[in-house]
N, C-alpha and C. Protein backbone atom coordinates (compact mmCIF):
# COMPACT_ATOMS: atom_id res chain seq x y z
N GLU A 1 158.55 42.43 38.33
CA GLU A 1 159.85 41.88 38.64
C GLU A 1 159.71 40.65 39.50
N ASN A 2 160.60 39.72 39.32
CA ASN A 2 160.71 38.58 40.22
C ASN A 2 161.79 38.90 41.24
N GLU A 3 161.50 38.61 42.51
CA GLU A 3 162.46 38.87 43.57
C GLU A 3 162.67 37.60 44.37
N LEU A 4 163.93 37.31 44.67
CA LEU A 4 164.30 36.15 45.49
C LEU A 4 164.62 36.61 46.90
N PHE A 5 164.12 35.88 47.87
CA PHE A 5 164.42 36.17 49.27
C PHE A 5 165.01 34.91 49.89
N PHE A 6 166.20 35.07 50.46
CA PHE A 6 166.90 33.95 51.10
C PHE A 6 167.20 34.34 52.54
N ASP A 7 166.60 33.65 53.49
CA ASP A 7 166.89 33.82 54.90
C ASP A 7 167.62 32.57 55.35
N VAL A 8 168.94 32.57 55.21
CA VAL A 8 169.72 31.37 55.50
C VAL A 8 169.83 31.10 57.00
N GLU A 9 169.61 32.10 57.83
CA GLU A 9 169.63 31.89 59.28
C GLU A 9 168.42 31.08 59.73
N ARG A 10 167.28 31.32 59.12
CA ARG A 10 166.03 30.64 59.49
C ARG A 10 165.60 29.61 58.44
N ASP A 11 166.41 29.43 57.39
CA ASP A 11 166.12 28.48 56.30
C ASP A 11 164.75 28.71 55.68
N ARG A 12 164.52 29.94 55.22
CA ARG A 12 163.29 30.30 54.52
C ARG A 12 163.66 30.92 53.18
N TYR A 13 162.96 30.48 52.12
CA TYR A 13 163.31 30.89 50.77
C TYR A 13 162.04 31.17 49.99
N GLN A 14 162.02 32.32 49.30
CA GLN A 14 160.82 32.70 48.55
C GLN A 14 161.19 33.32 47.21
N LEU A 15 160.32 33.08 46.25
CA LEU A 15 160.35 33.78 44.97
C LEU A 15 159.03 34.53 44.88
N MET A 16 159.12 35.85 44.73
CA MET A 16 157.92 36.68 44.68
C MET A 16 157.89 37.49 43.40
N ARG A 17 156.70 37.84 43.01
CA ARG A 17 156.51 38.77 41.89
C ARG A 17 156.02 40.08 42.50
N VAL A 18 156.73 41.16 42.17
CA VAL A 18 156.46 42.46 42.77
C VAL A 18 156.53 43.53 41.68
N GLY A 19 155.57 44.44 41.67
CA GLY A 19 155.63 45.54 40.72
C GLY A 19 154.24 46.01 40.33
N TRP A 20 154.16 46.49 39.12
CA TRP A 20 152.91 47.03 38.59
C TRP A 20 152.64 46.47 37.21
N GLN A 21 151.38 46.19 36.93
CA GLN A 21 150.94 45.82 35.59
C GLN A 21 149.86 46.84 35.23
N GLU A 22 150.30 47.82 34.45
CA GLU A 22 149.48 48.99 34.15
C GLU A 22 149.11 49.66 35.47
N LEU A 23 147.84 49.75 35.83
CA LEU A 23 147.44 50.41 37.07
C LEU A 23 147.21 49.43 38.22
N LYS A 24 147.48 48.15 37.99
CA LYS A 24 147.24 47.13 39.00
C LYS A 24 148.53 46.75 39.72
N ARG A 25 148.49 46.76 41.05
CA ARG A 25 149.64 46.36 41.86
C ARG A 25 149.78 44.84 41.81
N VAL A 26 151.00 44.39 41.60
CA VAL A 26 151.32 42.97 41.57
C VAL A 26 152.21 42.68 42.78
N TYR A 27 151.77 41.78 43.63
CA TYR A 27 152.54 41.44 44.83
C TYR A 27 152.07 40.08 45.34
N TYR A 28 152.79 39.03 44.97
CA TYR A 28 152.40 37.71 45.45
C TYR A 28 153.59 36.76 45.44
N THR A 29 153.44 35.72 46.24
CA THR A 29 154.47 34.70 46.36
C THR A 29 154.25 33.62 45.30
N ILE A 30 155.30 33.36 44.53
CA ILE A 30 155.26 32.30 43.53
C ILE A 30 155.65 30.97 44.16
N MET A 31 156.77 30.98 44.90
CA MET A 31 157.26 29.78 45.58
C MET A 31 157.74 30.16 46.97
N HIS A 32 157.53 29.26 47.91
CA HIS A 32 158.01 29.46 49.27
C HIS A 32 158.40 28.09 49.83
N PHE A 33 159.64 27.99 50.27
CA PHE A 33 160.17 26.77 50.88
C PHE A 33 160.75 27.10 52.23
N ASP A 34 160.58 26.21 53.19
CA ASP A 34 161.25 26.29 54.48
C ASP A 34 161.98 24.98 54.70
N ILE A 35 163.04 25.03 55.49
CA ILE A 35 163.69 23.80 55.94
C ILE A 35 163.52 23.77 57.45
N LYS A 36 162.81 22.73 57.93
CA LYS A 36 162.54 22.57 59.35
C LYS A 36 162.93 21.15 59.75
N ASP A 37 163.77 21.05 60.76
CA ASP A 37 164.18 19.74 61.27
C ASP A 37 164.69 18.82 60.16
N GLY A 38 165.42 19.40 59.21
CA GLY A 38 166.02 18.63 58.13
C GLY A 38 165.07 18.24 57.02
N LYS A 39 163.84 18.72 57.08
CA LYS A 39 162.86 18.41 56.04
C LYS A 39 162.54 19.66 55.23
N ILE A 40 162.31 19.49 53.95
CA ILE A 40 161.97 20.60 53.06
C ILE A 40 160.46 20.75 53.02
N TRP A 41 159.98 21.89 53.47
CA TRP A 41 158.55 22.19 53.48
C TRP A 41 158.23 23.05 52.26
N ILE A 42 157.38 22.55 51.39
CA ILE A 42 156.89 23.34 50.27
C ILE A 42 155.64 24.06 50.77
N GLN A 43 155.78 25.36 51.00
CA GLN A 43 154.70 26.15 51.58
C GLN A 43 153.79 26.78 50.51
N GLN A 44 154.37 27.04 49.34
CA GLN A 44 153.60 27.66 48.25
C GLN A 44 154.26 27.27 46.93
N ASN A 45 153.44 26.95 45.94
CA ASN A 45 153.95 26.70 44.60
C ASN A 45 152.88 27.10 43.60
N MET A 46 153.03 28.26 43.03
CA MET A 46 152.05 28.79 42.08
C MET A 46 152.52 28.58 40.64
N THR A 47 153.34 27.55 40.42
CA THR A 47 153.83 27.23 39.08
C THR A 47 153.16 25.95 38.61
N ASP A 48 153.41 25.58 37.38
CA ASP A 48 152.91 24.31 36.87
C ASP A 48 153.94 23.20 37.02
N VAL A 49 155.02 23.47 37.74
CA VAL A 49 156.08 22.49 37.97
C VAL A 49 155.79 21.74 39.27
N ASP A 50 155.90 20.42 39.24
CA ASP A 50 155.74 19.60 40.43
C ASP A 50 157.05 19.67 41.22
N MET A 51 157.11 20.61 42.17
CA MET A 51 158.35 20.85 42.90
C MET A 51 158.74 19.65 43.76
N GLY A 52 157.77 18.93 44.29
CA GLY A 52 158.09 17.72 45.04
C GLY A 52 158.82 16.72 44.18
N GLN A 53 158.33 16.49 42.97
CA GLN A 53 158.98 15.55 42.06
C GLN A 53 160.34 16.07 41.62
N GLU A 54 160.46 17.37 41.43
CA GLU A 54 161.76 17.94 41.07
C GLU A 54 162.79 17.65 42.18
N LEU A 55 162.38 17.80 43.43
CA LEU A 55 163.28 17.50 44.55
C LEU A 55 163.63 16.03 44.60
N VAL A 56 162.66 15.16 44.37
CA VAL A 56 162.92 13.71 44.33
C VAL A 56 163.92 13.40 43.22
N ASP A 57 163.73 14.02 42.06
CA ASP A 57 164.66 13.80 40.93
C ASP A 57 166.07 14.26 41.25
N MET A 58 166.20 15.20 42.20
CA MET A 58 167.53 15.67 42.62
C MET A 58 168.11 14.83 43.75
N GLY A 59 167.36 13.79 44.17
CA GLY A 59 167.88 12.88 45.18
C GLY A 59 167.32 13.06 46.58
N VAL A 60 166.35 13.94 46.77
CA VAL A 60 165.74 14.13 48.08
C VAL A 60 164.70 13.03 48.30
N SER A 61 164.74 12.41 49.46
CA SER A 61 163.77 11.37 49.80
C SER A 61 162.38 11.98 49.93
N LYS A 62 161.36 11.25 49.46
CA LYS A 62 159.98 11.73 49.58
C LYS A 62 159.61 11.99 51.04
N GLN A 63 160.16 11.22 51.95
CA GLN A 63 159.86 11.40 53.37
C GLN A 63 160.46 12.69 53.94
N ASP A 64 161.42 13.27 53.22
CA ASP A 64 162.04 14.53 53.65
C ASP A 64 161.40 15.74 53.00
N ILE A 65 160.29 15.53 52.29
CA ILE A 65 159.56 16.62 51.64
C ILE A 65 158.17 16.67 52.28
N ILE A 66 157.82 17.83 52.80
CA ILE A 66 156.51 18.03 53.43
C ILE A 66 155.73 19.03 52.58
N LEU A 67 154.53 18.65 52.20
CA LEU A 67 153.68 19.57 51.44
C LEU A 67 152.89 20.43 52.42
N GLY A 68 153.55 21.46 52.93
CA GLY A 68 152.93 22.35 53.89
C GLY A 68 151.77 23.13 53.31
N LEU A 69 151.65 23.15 51.99
CA LEU A 69 150.53 23.83 51.36
C LEU A 69 149.25 23.03 51.45
N HIS A 70 149.35 21.79 51.93
CA HIS A 70 148.16 20.96 52.17
C HIS A 70 147.89 20.92 53.68
N PRO A 71 146.63 20.83 54.09
CA PRO A 71 146.34 20.72 55.52
C PRO A 71 146.89 19.41 56.08
N PRO A 72 147.22 19.39 57.38
CA PRO A 72 147.83 18.19 57.97
C PRO A 72 147.05 16.90 57.74
N TYR A 73 145.73 16.94 57.72
CA TYR A 73 144.97 15.70 57.56
C TYR A 73 145.11 15.11 56.16
N LYS A 74 145.52 15.91 55.17
CA LYS A 74 145.70 15.41 53.80
C LYS A 74 147.10 14.88 53.54
N ARG A 75 148.06 15.30 54.32
CA ARG A 75 149.47 14.96 54.05
C ARG A 75 149.76 13.47 54.01
N PRO A 76 149.12 12.63 54.84
CA PRO A 76 149.41 11.19 54.75
C PRO A 76 149.05 10.57 53.40
N TYR A 77 148.22 11.24 52.63
CA TYR A 77 147.76 10.71 51.34
C TYR A 77 148.54 11.25 50.14
N THR A 78 149.53 12.11 50.40
CA THR A 78 150.26 12.75 49.31
C THR A 78 151.42 11.92 48.76
N GLY A 79 151.88 10.93 49.54
CA GLY A 79 153.05 10.18 49.13
C GLY A 79 154.34 10.82 49.60
N TYR A 80 154.23 11.94 50.28
CA TYR A 80 155.40 12.64 50.83
C TYR A 80 155.36 12.55 52.35
N GLY A 81 156.29 13.24 53.01
CA GLY A 81 156.40 13.20 54.47
C GLY A 81 155.16 13.80 55.14
N VAL A 82 155.02 13.50 56.43
CA VAL A 82 153.84 13.94 57.17
C VAL A 82 154.16 14.70 58.44
N ALA A 83 155.34 15.21 58.59
CA ALA A 83 155.78 15.86 59.84
C ALA A 83 154.73 16.76 60.44
């Protein structure tokens, strides 16, 4: 099953896969976003969709998108924000 988690008080949002596949437990985060200081932090993206570009296509400035899934020293080279 896919499960959505919305914590609107802390601005944290996740899509997780939870359940069983035969005898194997399935439990992992597919997507995780946080909003901190007005910036959208992409913390996890296990899809083939470029979520940063999707946000830009929706009108979000690249400087307001932080690729939290990359270490801080790499962020200046991503073309997105560096908070």
